[in-house]
C-alpha cells in the first residue's frame, strides 16, 4: 500500500506537469484558433457599418477543432480503468483516469504490439499522443503513439520480461534445482555486513546448528554496483569451500530490491557450483534471484533454517533411528529363533537312523543277495574254467601233432623232389615254418588270458577270500548259513568255517545285537 501511494504521488506530480504543459498548449491553441477562425470567417458590412462573421457548418466546426487538436502532442500519466482489445478490431480502446477526470484513448494495433506493454485495469501508465475527434459521432479520443508503465510498473514490466526470458532458457526450471545437503559444515553468507539480516542468520545458525562454520562476504545490497558485488561475493564463498550459499537481505521497497532482479546475478546463481538459498525481503517479495535459486525462503531467518537442522529434529531423528535399529534386531532375532526351532523339529535331528536308515537297509539287502548268489555263481564259473581248460588241453596236442605230421610229410616230399625243388621252395618253407610257430602261440594266448581273468574273478568272488581276511561262516547241520540268532537256538550245533578249517561248536547262549554292543 505504501509503494502504491508513492507511485500515485509521482503520478500526480507528472499529471500536474502535464496540466501545465496542456495549459500552455491551450493558450497557444486559443491564439491559433482566433487566427485560424479569421481565415474562415467572412466579414460583411451591415447597415450600421459593423462586420459580422458567417456561421460555420457542423462538419466545418469539427474539422476546425480536429485540425487544431491534432497539431498538439501531449505526454500524460494516468491509471487504466477499462480496456477493450477484441479480436478483429484494428485498435485497442481503453480509458485512463485520475482523481478528477477520465480520458478515452485509442491505440492502433501495430503501435500497441510494438510497445510490448500489456494493458491491465489498475496499471499506472505513461502515454504519449494527441487529441483527435471522431467527426461522425462527435467524440474526442486521445490517439496514443506510445505507452509504457509508469514508475514501479515499468520496473515490474522489465522484471517480468527478464523472468520470461530466463524461463525460456530453463534457468527457473524446478528440475534443474539442487537439494540442500544435510548437516552442512561450511555455510557461505552473502549480504550487507551492516544490516539486520546478517545478525538474524548468525543467530539462527548459532541456535540450530552451532557446528557450522560461516563464511561471510560483506557486500552492498543497494545501489548501481550492488549486482556486481553480489556476484563477486557468491564466487568468493563458493571458492572458499562453502557447501551452500545464503543470499539474503532485509525488507525494502521494490526499487530497493532491484539489484536482486539483475540478469547477471541470476546467471551467477545458476552457474554456482553449490546450492544457493535466497531469503530476500519479506514473504510477498519475489525477485529474479528467488526464481533462479535452488531454494527460496521468505526471510533471511527462513534461509538460515533451510540449511541448518534443528537440534530437536536431530535428536528426534537419532531416537527414531535407534528405535528402528532396536526393533529390527529384535525382529531378526525372533525370525532366527523360529527358524532354529523349526529346523530342530525335523526328524533327521531327532533320530540319527532317519538319515542313514535307507542306506543301511540297502547294504543289508545287497549283502544277503551276495551271500545267496555268489557260491552258485562261483561254482558255475569254476565249471566253465574247467571246461575251457579241458578243451585247451585236448586241442593243443592234437593241433601240434597234426602240424608235426604235416611237416614231416612235407619234409619227405621236399627231399624226394630234389634239390631244385628245395631251393625253389626254401623261402616258402621258411614262411610256413614262421606261420606255424606263430599260429601255435596265437591259439594258446587267448585261452591263457581268458583263464587268467576267470581265475582272478573267481578268487575275488570266492567266500574263501573273505574268510581268509579274518571272517567266518556259520552253518547249521543241514548246511544253511546262519543269518540270525533264531536259526541257531541254544544247544544247537553249528559248523564255523575259518580260513584253515572248520570248527564244530555248540550254542551256549544268544544275545541280540544291541546287548552285544553294550557289553
Protein backbone atom coordinates (compact mmCIF):
# COMPACT_ATOMS: atom_id res chain seq x y z
CA UNK A 1 0.00 0.00 0.00
CA UNK A 2 2.82 2.42 0.82
CA UNK A 3 4.52 1.70 -2.50
CA UNK A 4 1.25 2.32 -4.33
CA UNK A 5 0.78 5.68 -2.56
CA UNK A 6 4.31 6.66 -3.52
CA UNK A 7 3.55 5.75 -7.13
CA UNK A 8 0.36 7.83 -7.04
CA UNK A 9 2.29 10.80 -5.68
CA UNK A 10 4.79 10.51 -8.53
CA UNK A 11 1.90 10.15 -10.99
CA UNK A 12 0.18 13.27 -9.60
CA UNK A 13 3.37 15.25 -9.96
CA UNK A 14 3.68 14.09 -13.55
CA UNK A 15 0.00 14.94 -14.14
CA UNK A 16 0.45 18.44 -12.74
CA UNK A 17 3.41 18.93 -15.06
CA UNK A 18 1.31 17.68 -17.94
CA UNK A 19 -1.52 20.05 -16.93
CA UNK A 20 0.90 22.94 -17.04
CA UNK A 21 2.05 21.77 -20.46
CA UNK A 22 -1.61 21.45 -21.54
CA UNK A 23 -2.46 24.98 -20.29
CA UNK A 24 0.39 26.41 -22.34
CA UNK A 25 -0.74 24.39 -25.31
CA UNK A 26 -4.32 25.58 -24.79
CA UNK A 27 -3.26 29.19 -24.81
CA UNK A 28 -1.30 28.54 -27.97
CA UNK A 29 -4.35 26.80 -29.42
CA UNK A 30 -6.63 29.71 -28.45
CA UNK A 31 -4.45 32.18 -30.28
CA UNK A 32 -4.19 29.82 -33.24
CA UNK A 33 -7.96 29.32 -33.18
CA UNK A 34 -8.55 33.07 -33.39
CA UNK A 35 -6.11 33.28 -36.23
CA UNK A 36 -7.47 30.15 -37.86
CA UNK A 37 -11.04 31.33 -37.36
CA UNK A 38 -10.41 34.61 -39.11
CA UNK A 39 -9.41 32.60 -42.16
CA UNK A 40 -12.89 31.12 -42.48
CA UNK A 41 -14.96 33.99 -41.09
CA UNK A 42 -16.35 36.27 -43.84
CA UNK A 43 -16.88 39.83 -42.76
CA UNK A 44 -20.00 41.60 -44.00
CA UNK A 45 -20.92 45.24 -43.63
CA UNK A 46 -24.30 45.86 -42.16
CA UNK A 47 -26.40 48.97 -42.20
CA UNK A 48 -24.59 50.31 -39.24
CA UNK A 49 -21.10 49.51 -40.63
CA UNK A 50 -20.33 46.51 -38.35
CA UNK A 51 -18.65 43.29 -39.67
CA UNK A 52 -20.36 40.01 -38.68
CA UNK A 53 -18.76 36.53 -39.33
CA UNK A 54 -20.75 33.99 -41.24
CA UNK A 55 -21.71 30.83 -39.22
CA UNK A 56 -19.87 27.52 -39.87
CA UNK A 57 -21.39 24.16 -40.59
CA UNK A 58 -21.10 21.33 -38.06
CA UNK A 59 -18.59 19.47 -40.18
CA UNK A 60 -16.66 22.69 -40.71
CA UNK A 61 -16.57 23.34 -36.99
CA UNK A 62 -15.47 19.74 -36.30
CA UNK A 63 -12.77 20.00 -38.96
CA UNK A 64 -11.63 23.29 -37.41
CA UNK A 65 -11.38 21.67 -33.93
CA UNK A 66 -9.80 18.47 -35.28
CA UNK A 67 -7.11 20.38 -37.13
CA UNK A 68 -6.33 22.46 -34.06
CA UNK A 69 -6.18 19.45 -31.64
CA UNK A 70 -4.12 17.15 -33.81
CA UNK A 71 -1.29 19.69 -34.01
CA UNK A 72 -0.58 19.26 -30.28
CA UNK A 73 1.38 16.27 -28.87
CA UNK A 74 0.86 15.59 -25.17
CA UNK A 75 2.53 13.25 -22.65
CA UNK A 76 0.35 12.29 -19.67
CA UNK A 77 0.17 9.81 -16.78
CA UNK A 78 -2.98 8.04 -15.65
CA UNK A 79 -4.47 4.85 -14.29
CA UNK A 80 -6.10 2.41 -16.70
CA UNK A 81 -9.78 1.99 -15.73
CA UNK A 82 -11.06 -0.13 -18.62
CA UNK A 83 -9.58 -1.94 -21.63
CA UNK A 84 -11.21 -3.27 -24.83
CA UNK A 85 -8.93 -5.39 -27.03
CA UNK A 86 -11.28 -7.55 -29.04
CA UNK A 87 -10.39 -9.82 -31.91
CA UNK A 88 -10.98 -8.20 -35.28
CA UNK A 89 -10.54 -4.64 -34.01
CA UNK A 90 -7.91 -2.53 -35.68
CA UNK A 91 -7.19 -0.59 -32.48
CA UNK A 92 -7.14 -1.06 -28.71
CA UNK A 93 -9.60 1.13 -26.81
CA UNK A 94 -9.05 1.98 -23.17
CA UNK A 95 -9.69 4.70 -20.62
CA UNK A 96 -7.24 6.41 -18.26
CA UNK A 97 -8.25 8.48 -15.27
CA UNK A 98 -7.02 10.32 -12.24
CA UNK A 99 -8.92 11.68 -9.26
CA UNK A 100 -10.70 14.42 -11.21
CA UNK A 101 -11.07 13.31 -14.84
CA UNK A 102 -11.10 10.41 -17.27
CA UNK A 103 -9.96 10.28 -20.89
CA UNK A 104 -10.94 7.76 -23.59
CA UNK A 105 -7.94 6.56 -25.57
CA UNK A 106 -7.30 4.50 -28.66
CA UNK A 107 -4.09 2.98 -29.98
CA UNK A 108 -3.60 1.28 -33.33
CA UNK A 109 -2.65 -2.38 -33.04
CA UNK A 110 0.73 -2.04 -34.77
CA UNK A 111 1.77 0.62 -32.24
CA UNK A 112 0.38 -1.36 -29.32
CA UNK A 113 2.24 -4.53 -30.25
CA UNK A 114 5.47 -2.62 -30.86
CA UNK A 115 5.40 -1.15 -27.32
CA UNK A 116 5.41 -4.59 -25.68
CA UNK A 117 3.19 -3.48 -22.79
CA UNK A 118 0.15 -5.47 -21.70
CA UNK A 119 -2.55 -3.08 -20.52
CA UNK A 120 -4.42 -4.18 -17.41
CA UNK A 121 -7.03 -2.41 -15.34
CA UNK A 122 -5.35 -0.60 -12.48
CA UNK A 123 -1.97 -0.21 -14.18
CA UNK A 124 -0.33 3.21 -13.98
CA UNK A 125 0.80 4.13 -17.50
CA UNK A 126 2.59 6.95 -19.23
CA UNK A 127 1.06 7.88 -22.62
CA UNK A 128 2.35 9.98 -25.49
CA UNK A 129 -0.10 11.05 -28.19
CA UNK A 130 -2.51 13.71 -29.45
CA UNK A 131 -6.17 14.59 -29.09
CA UNK A 132 -8.36 13.78 -32.05
CA UNK A 133 -12.02 13.99 -32.94
CA UNK A 134 -14.19 11.33 -34.49
CA UNK A 135 -16.44 13.61 -36.56
CA UNK A 136 -19.29 11.16 -37.36
CA UNK A 137 -20.00 10.69 -33.62
CA UNK A 138 -18.60 13.96 -32.36
CA UNK A 139 -16.39 12.14 -29.87
CA UNK A 140 -12.95 13.16 -28.71
CA UNK A 141 -10.28 10.47 -28.20
CA UNK A 142 -6.65 10.51 -27.24
CA UNK A 143 -4.68 8.96 -30.10
CA UNK A 144 -1.81 7.14 -28.33
CA UNK A 145 1.57 6.95 -30.05
CA UNK A 146 3.41 5.05 -27.30
CA UNK A 147 2.62 3.61 -23.89
CA UNK A 148 4.86 2.49 -21.02
CA UNK A 149 4.32 1.53 -17.44
CA UNK A 150 4.96 4.46 -15.13
CA UNK A 151 7.20 4.35 -12.07
CA UNK A 152 7.23 0.94 -10.40
CA UNK A 153 5.08 -0.50 -13.11
CA UNK A 154 7.86 -0.05 -15.65
CA UNK A 155 10.30 -1.82 -13.35
CA UNK A 156 7.87 -4.66 -12.88
CA UNK A 157 7.48 -4.96 -16.64
CA UNK A 158 11.25 -5.20 -17.06
CA UNK A 159 11.44 -7.83 -14.33
CA UNK A 160 8.57 -9.79 -15.89
CA UNK A 161 10.27 -9.74 -19.30
CA UNK A 162 13.52 -10.97 -17.75
CA UNK A 163 11.64 -13.70 -15.88
CA UNK A 164 10.08 -14.91 -19.14
CA UNK A 165 13.49 -14.89 -20.83
CA UNK A 166 15.09 -16.95 -18.06
CA UNK A 167 12.12 -19.33 -18.07
CA UNK A 168 12.55 -19.97 -21.78
CA UNK A 169 16.25 -20.73 -21.15
CA UNK A 170 15.30 -23.19 -18.41
CA UNK A 171 17.08 -21.37 -15.55
CA UNK A 172 13.90 -21.33 -13.43
CA UNK A 173 13.03 -24.96 -14.12
CA UNK A 174 12.47 -26.95 -10.92
CA UNK A 175 14.20 -29.99 -12.42
CA UNK A 176 17.48 -28.01 -12.60
CA UNK A 177 17.45 -27.03 -8.96
CA UNK A 178 19.56 -28.97 -6.46
CA UNK A 179 18.62 -30.04 -2.93
CA UNK A 180 20.48 -28.59 0.02
CA UNK A 181 22.91 -31.15 1.56
CA UNK A 182 22.12 -32.40 5.04
CA UNK A 183 24.27 -31.39 8.02
CA UNK A 184 26.29 -28.73 6.20
CA UNK A 185 29.65 -27.95 7.84
CA UNK A 186 30.54 -24.75 5.92
CA UNK A 187 27.90 -22.13 5.06
CA UNK A 188 28.55 -19.13 2.80
CA UNK A 189 26.67 -15.92 3.64
CA UNK A 190 26.44 -13.08 1.11
CA UNK A 191 24.73 -9.96 2.47
CA UNK A 192 25.33 -6.50 3.83
CA UNK A 193 27.54 -6.54 6.94
CA UNK A 194 25.58 -3.65 8.49
CA UNK A 195 22.00 -4.86 8.11
CA UNK A 196 19.79 -6.87 10.42
CA UNK A 197 19.81 -9.81 8.03
CA UNK A 198 23.38 -10.90 8.87
CA UNK A 199 22.59 -10.94 12.60
CA UNK A 200 19.35 -12.87 12.05
CA UNK A 201 21.18 -15.53 10.05
CA UNK A 202 24.08 -15.86 12.51
CA UNK A 203 21.71 -16.02 15.46
CA UNK A 204 19.62 -18.73 13.81
CA UNK A 205 22.66 -20.83 12.85
CA UNK A 206 24.14 -20.49 16.33
CA UNK A 207 20.86 -21.67 17.85
CA UNK A 208 20.07 -24.52 15.45
CA UNK A 209 23.44 -25.74 14.13
CA UNK A 210 26.42 -24.40 16.12
CA UNK A 211 28.78 -26.87 14.41
CA UNK A 212 28.57 -24.98 11.11
CA UNK A 213 31.38 -22.63 10.09
CA UNK A 214 30.08 -19.45 8.40
CA UNK A 215 31.96 -17.64 5.60
CA UNK A 216 30.61 -14.08 5.40
CA UNK A 217 31.02 -11.98 2.25
CA UNK A 218 30.01 -8.43 3.19
CA UNK A 219 28.74 -6.64 0.08
CA UNK A 220 26.37 -3.75 -0.64
CA UNK A 221 22.82 -4.82 -1.40
CA UNK A 222 21.63 -1.48 -2.84
CA UNK A 223 22.98 0.84 -5.49
CA UNK A 224 24.24 0.57 -9.04
CA UNK A 225 27.23 -1.63 -8.14
CA UNK A 226 25.29 -3.99 -5.87
CA UNK A 227 24.65 -6.72 -8.52
CA UNK A 228 28.36 -6.97 -9.42
CA UNK A 229 29.35 -7.11 -5.75
CA UNK A 230 26.75 -9.80 -5.03
CA UNK A 231 28.17 -11.88 -7.89
CA UNK A 232 31.69 -11.46 -6.50
CA UNK A 233 30.50 -12.48 -3.02
CA UNK A 234 28.90 -15.68 -4.31
CA UNK A 235 32.07 -16.56 -6.20
CA UNK A 236 34.30 -15.88 -3.16
CA UNK A 237 32.40 -18.03 -0.67
CA UNK A 238 31.94 -20.89 -3.15
CA UNK A 239 35.67 -20.89 -3.90
CA UNK A 240 36.43 -20.84 -0.16
CA UNK A 241 34.71 -24.20 0.31
CA UNK A 242 31.10 -23.34 1.19
CA UNK A 243 28.72 -26.27 0.80
CA UNK A 244 25.74 -23.92 0.33
CA UNK A 245 25.40 -20.16 -0.18
CA UNK A 246 22.88 -17.93 1.59
CA UNK A 247 21.94 -14.78 -0.41
CA UNK A 248 19.88 -12.60 1.96
CA UNK A 249 18.81 -9.08 2.73
CA UNK A 250 16.11 -7.37 4.80
CA UNK A 251 12.90 -5.82 3.58
CA UNK A 252 12.57 -2.71 1.43
CA UNK A 253 10.68 -1.10 -1.44
CA UNK A 254 10.51 -2.65 -4.87
CA UNK A 255 13.22 -0.29 -6.10
CA UNK A 256 15.43 -1.30 -3.15
CA UNK A 257 15.17 -4.95 -4.21
CA UNK A 258 16.04 -4.26 -7.87
CA UNK A 259 19.71 -5.39 -7.52
CA UNK A 260 18.34 -8.90 -6.91
CA UNK A 261 16.46 -8.68 -10.23
CA UNK A 262 19.70 -8.29 -12.18
CA UNK A 263 20.25 -10.72 -15.08
CA UNK A 264 23.96 -11.12 -14.34
CA UNK A 265 23.23 -12.08 -10.73
CA UNK A 266 20.63 -14.59 -11.89
CA UNK A 267 23.11 -16.28 -14.23
CA UNK A 268 25.77 -16.31 -11.49
CA UNK A 269 23.33 -18.08 -9.15
CA UNK A 270 22.52 -20.65 -11.84
CA UNK A 271 26.24 -21.25 -12.51
CA UNK A 272 27.20 -21.53 -8.83
CA UNK A 273 28.75 -24.98 -8.14
CA UNK A 274 26.89 -25.34 -4.82
CA UNK A 275 23.19 -24.83 -3.97
CA UNK A 276 22.08 -21.22 -3.42
CA UNK A 277 19.37 -20.37 -0.88
CA UNK A 278 17.74 -16.93 -1.03
CA UNK A 279 15.99 -15.04 1.74
CA UNK A 280 15.24 -11.61 0.28
CA UNK A 281 12.81 -9.14 1.84
CA UNK A 282 9.59 -10.41 3.34
CA UNK A 283 7.02 -13.05 2.45
CA UNK A 284 5.31 -11.24 -0.50
CA UNK A 285 8.60 -10.17 -2.12
CA UNK A 286 9.74 -12.37 -5.02
CA UNK A 287 12.78 -11.44 -7.10
CA UNK A 288 14.53 -12.96 -10.10
CA UNK A 289 17.17 -14.32 -7.72
CA UNK A 290 14.41 -16.19 -5.86
CA UNK A 291 13.17 -17.75 -9.11
CA UNK A 292 16.63 -18.97 -10.15
CA UNK A 293 17.87 -20.05 -6.69
CA UNK A 294 17.81 -23.72 -5.70
CA UNK A 295 15.77 -22.95 -2.58
CA UNK A 296 13.71 -19.83 -1.90
CA UNK A 297 12.97 -18.79 1.68
CA UNK A 298 10.64 -15.94 2.61
CA UNK A 299 13.04 -14.26 5.07
CA UNK A 300 16.74 -14.37 5.99
CA UNK A 301 15.82 -16.38 9.09
CA UNK A 302 13.97 -18.89 6.91
CA UNK A 303 17.03 -19.18 4.65
CA UNK A 304 19.22 -20.00 7.67
CA UNK A 305 16.69 -22.61 8.80
CA UNK A 306 16.74 -24.18 5.32
CA UNK A 307 20.46 -25.06 5.61
CA UNK A 308 20.56 -25.98 9.31
CA UNK A 309 18.90 -28.91 11.02
CA UNK A 310 17.17 -28.25 14.31
CA UNK A 311 18.82 -29.82 17.36
CA UNK A 312 15.43 -31.12 18.45
CA UNK A 313 14.87 -32.54 14.99
CA UNK A 314 18.30 -34.21 15.02
CA UNK A 315 17.65 -35.67 18.45
CA UNK A 316 14.29 -36.96 17.30
CA UNK A 317 15.81 -38.50 14.18
CA UNK A 318 18.53 -40.22 16.21
CA UNK A 319 16.00 -41.58 18.70
CA UNK A 320 13.78 -42.78 15.85
CA UNK A 321 16.68 -44.47 14.08
CA UNK A 322 17.88 -46.11 17.31
CA UNK A 323 14.36 -47.40 17.91
CA UNK A 324 14.15 -48.67 14.34
CA UNK A 325 17.52 -50.47 14.68
CA UNK A 326 16.46 -51.99 18.01
CA UNK A 327 13.12 -53.15 16.60
CA UNK A 328 14.84 -54.54 13.51
CA UNK A 329 17.30 -56.54 15.59
CA UNK A 330 14.51 -57.90 17.79
CA UNK A 331 12.51 -58.96 14.74
CA UNK A 332 15.57 -60.58 13.19
CA UNK A 333 16.33 -62.48 16.41
CA UNK A 334 12.72 -63.66 16.60
CA UNK A 335 12.81 -64.85 12.98
CA UNK A 336 16.12 -66.65 13.63
CA UNK A 337 14.74 -68.30 16.76
CA UNK A 338 11.66 -69.51 14.91
CA UNK A 339 13.83 -70.83 12.07
CA UNK A 340 16.11 -72.70 14.52
CA UNK A 341 13.11 -74.22 16.32
CA UNK A 342 11.61 -75.29 13.01
CA UNK A 343 14.86 -76.97 11.98
CA UNK A 344 15.21 -78.66 15.36
CA UNK A 345 11.82 -80.37 14.95
CA UNK A 346 12.89 -82.17 11.77
CA UNK A 347 13.22 -85.99 12.15
CA UNK A 348 16.81 -86.04 10.95
CA UNK A 349 17.89 -84.13 14.06
CA UNK A 350 15.81 -86.29 16.39
CA UNK A 351 16.68 -89.79 15.09
CA UNK A 352 20.17 -90.48 13.77
CA UNK A 353 18.96 -93.52 11.82
CA UNK A 354 16.46 -91.40 9.87
CA UNK A 355 19.13 -90.12 7.54
CA UNK A 356 21.08 -93.40 7.08
CA UNK A 357 18.32 -95.97 7.65
CA UNK A 358 17.53 -96.50 3.98
CA UNK A 359 21.19 -96.89 3.04
CA UNK A 360 21.78 -99.33 5.87
CA UNK A 361 18.82 -101.45 4.77
CA UNK A 362 20.11 -101.38 1.20
CA UNK A 363 23.51 -102.65 2.39
CA UNK A 364 21.82 -105.50 4.30
CA UNK A 365 19.76 -106.46 1.26
CA UNK A 366 22.77 -106.44 -1.06
CA UNK A 367 24.82 -108.45 1.47
CA UNK A 368 22.08 -111.08 1.61
CA UNK A 369 21.95 -111.28 -2.18
CA UNK A 370 25.72 -111.62 -2.34
CA UNK A 371 25.78 -114.46 0.18
CA UNK A 372 22.89 -116.23 -1.57
CA UNK A 373 24.05 -115.91 -5.19
CA UNK A 374 27.82 -115.86 -5.15
CA UNK A 375 28.53 -119.53 -4.22
CA UNK A 376 26.39 -120.80 -7.13
CA UNK A 377 27.95 -118.25 -9.45
CA UNK A 378 31.44 -119.23 -8.36
CA UNK A 379 30.62 -122.87 -8.97
CA UNK A 380 29.35 -122.06 -12.46
CA UNK A 381 32.46 -120.04 -13.22
CA UNK A 382 34.69 -122.89 -11.92
CA UNK A 383 32.92 -125.44 -14.16
CA UNK A 384 33.31 -123.08 -17.12
CA UNK A 385 37.01 -122.63 -16.40
CA UNK A 386 37.48 -126.38 -16.07
CA UNK A 387 35.69 -126.98 -19.37
CA UNK A 388 37.84 -124.38 -21.14
CA UNK A 389 40.99 -125.90 -19.64
CA UNK A 390 39.98 -129.38 -20.81
CA UNK A 391 39.25 -128.11 -24.31
CA UNK A 392 42.56 -126.34 -24.38
CA UNK A 393 44.39 -129.45 -23.19
CA UNK A 394 42.72 -131.55 -25.88
CA UNK A 395 43.15 -129.00 -28.65
CA UNK A 396 46.81 -128.17 -28.21
CA UNK A 397 48.34 -131.70 -28.55
CA UNK A 398 46.10 -132.66 -31.46
CA UNK A 399 46.89 -129.46 -33.35
CA UNK A 400 50.57 -129.78 -32.61
CA UNK A 401 50.68 -133.43 -33.66
CA UNK A 402 48.76 -132.71 -36.84
CA UNK A 403 51.13 -129.91 -37.73
CA UNK A 404 54.14 -132.12 -36.95
CA UNK A 405 52.82 -134.88 -39.20
CA UNK A 406 52.16 -132.41 -41.99
CA UNK A 407 55.62 -131.01 -41.55
CA UNK A 408 57.22 -134.43 -41.71
CA UNK A 409 55.23 -135.26 -44.80
CA UNK A 410 56.30 -132.06 -46.45
CA UNK A 411 59.92 -132.74 -45.49
CA UNK A 412 59.82 -136.14 -47.11
CA UNK A 413 58.23 -134.72 -50.20
CA UNK A 414 60.82 -131.99 -50.35
CA UNK A 415 63.67 -134.41 -50.09
CA UNK A 416 62.09 -136.56 -52.73
CA UNK A 417 61.55 -133.66 -55.07
CA UNK A 418 65.19 -132.96 -55.18
CA UNK A 419 67.48 -130.16 -54.53
CA UNK A 420 65.93 -127.95 -57.23
CA UNK A 421 62.56 -128.03 -55.71
CA UNK A 422 64.11 -127.49 -52.28
CA UNK A 423 65.89 -124.38 -53.44
CA UNK A 424 62.77 -123.09 -55.16
CA UNK A 425 60.50 -123.67 -52.18
CA UNK A 426 63.00 -122.85 -49.44
CA UNK A 427 61.63 -119.34 -48.94
CA UNK A 428 58.10 -120.67 -48.85
CA UNK A 429 59.09 -123.31 -46.34
CA UNK A 430 60.60 -120.75 -44.05
CA UNK A 431 57.43 -118.63 -44.30
CA UNK A 432 55.24 -121.60 -43.47
CA UNK A 433 57.51 -122.53 -40.55
CA UNK A 434 57.10 -118.99 -39.12
CA UNK A 435 53.35 -119.10 -39.61
CA UNK A 436 53.20 -122.50 -37.93
CA UNK A 437 55.14 -121.28 -34.93
CA UNK A 438 53.06 -118.09 -34.54
CA UNK A 439 49.80 -119.99 -35.04
CA UNK A 440 50.58 -122.22 -32.11
CA UNK A 441 51.27 -119.26 -29.87
CA UNK A 442 48.14 -117.39 -31.04
CA UNK A 443 46.00 -120.43 -30.29
CA UNK A 444 47.32 -120.66 -26.75
CA UNK A 445 47.44 -116.95 -25.86
CA UNK A 446 43.65 -116.13 -25.91
CA UNK A 447 42.82 -119.16 -23.79
CA UNK A 448 45.60 -118.36 -21.35
CA UNK A 449 44.41 -114.78 -20.94
CA UNK A 450 40.77 -115.82 -20.54
CA UNK A 451 41.75 -118.47 -17.98
CA UNK A 452 43.72 -115.87 -16.01
CA UNK A 453 40.79 -113.43 -15.95
CA UNK A 454 38.34 -116.13 -14.89
CA UNK A 455 40.67 -117.31 -12.14
CA UNK A 456 41.18 -113.76 -10.87
CA UNK A 457 37.43 -113.08 -10.90
CA UNK A 458 36.76 -116.42 -9.17
CA UNK A 459 39.25 -115.58 -6.49
CA UNK A 460 37.67 -112.11 -5.95
CA UNK A 461 34.18 -113.55 -5.61
CA UNK A 462 35.17 -116.55 -3.55
CA UNK A 463 33.87 -116.64 0.05
CA UNK A 464 37.19 -118.28 0.88
CA UNK A 465 38.92 -114.99 0.16
CA UNK A 466 36.53 -113.25 2.56
CA UNK A 467 37.22 -115.92 5.17
CA UNK A 468 40.96 -115.53 4.60
CA UNK A 469 40.65 -111.88 5.73
CA UNK A 470 39.50 -112.99 9.20
CA UNK A 471 35.78 -113.60 8.74
CA UNK A 472 33.92 -116.84 9.46
CA UNK A 473 30.77 -118.55 8.12
CA UNK A 474 28.46 -120.38 10.50
CA UNK A 475 26.32 -123.19 9.09
CA UNK A 476 23.63 -125.33 10.64
CA UNK A 477 23.59 -129.15 10.50
CA UNK A 478 21.79 -129.02 7.18
CA UNK A 479 24.43 -126.68 5.70
CA UNK A 480 22.35 -123.46 5.73
CA UNK A 481 24.20 -120.29 6.52
CA UNK A 482 23.28 -118.82 9.92
CA UNK A 483 21.99 -115.25 9.38
CA UNK A 484 20.31 -114.52 12.69
CA UNK A 485 20.19 -115.94 16.22
CA UNK A 486 16.80 -117.51 15.53
CA UNK A 487 18.41 -120.08 13.20
CA UNK A 488 20.79 -121.29 15.94
CA UNK A 489 18.88 -121.78 19.21
CA UNK A 490 20.68 -122.54 22.46
CA UNK A 491 22.02 -126.10 22.47
CA UNK A 492 22.12 -126.47 18.70
CA UNK A 493 25.31 -127.39 16.85
CA UNK A 494 26.87 -125.20 14.22
CA UNK A 495 29.92 -125.60 11.95
CA UNK A 496 32.06 -122.45 11.84
CA UNK A 497 34.28 -122.31 8.77
CA UNK A 498 37.51 -120.30 9.17
CA UNK A 499 40.46 -119.79 6.87
CA UNK A 500 42.25 -123.03 7.64
CA UNK A 501 39.42 -125.37 8.65
CA UNK A 502 36.04 -125.87 10.24
CA UNK A 503 35.10 -125.65 13.94
CA UNK A 504 32.29 -127.70 15.35
CA UNK A 505 30.55 -125.61 18.02
CA UNK A 506 27.58 -125.82 20.35
CA UNK A 507 25.47 -122.70 21.03
CA UNK A 508 25.52 -121.98 24.77
CA UNK A 509 23.83 -118.56 24.71
CA UNK A 510 22.45 -115.96 22.27
CA UNK A 511 22.26 -112.18 22.72
CA UNK A 512 20.67 -109.55 20.44
CA UNK A 513 22.98 -107.07 18.63
CA UNK A 514 22.14 -104.15 20.99
CA UNK A 515 23.09 -106.22 24.06
CA UNK A 516 26.35 -107.23 22.43
CA UNK A 517 27.19 -103.64 21.62
CA UNK A 518 26.53 -102.58 25.19
CA UNK A 519 28.74 -105.41 26.56
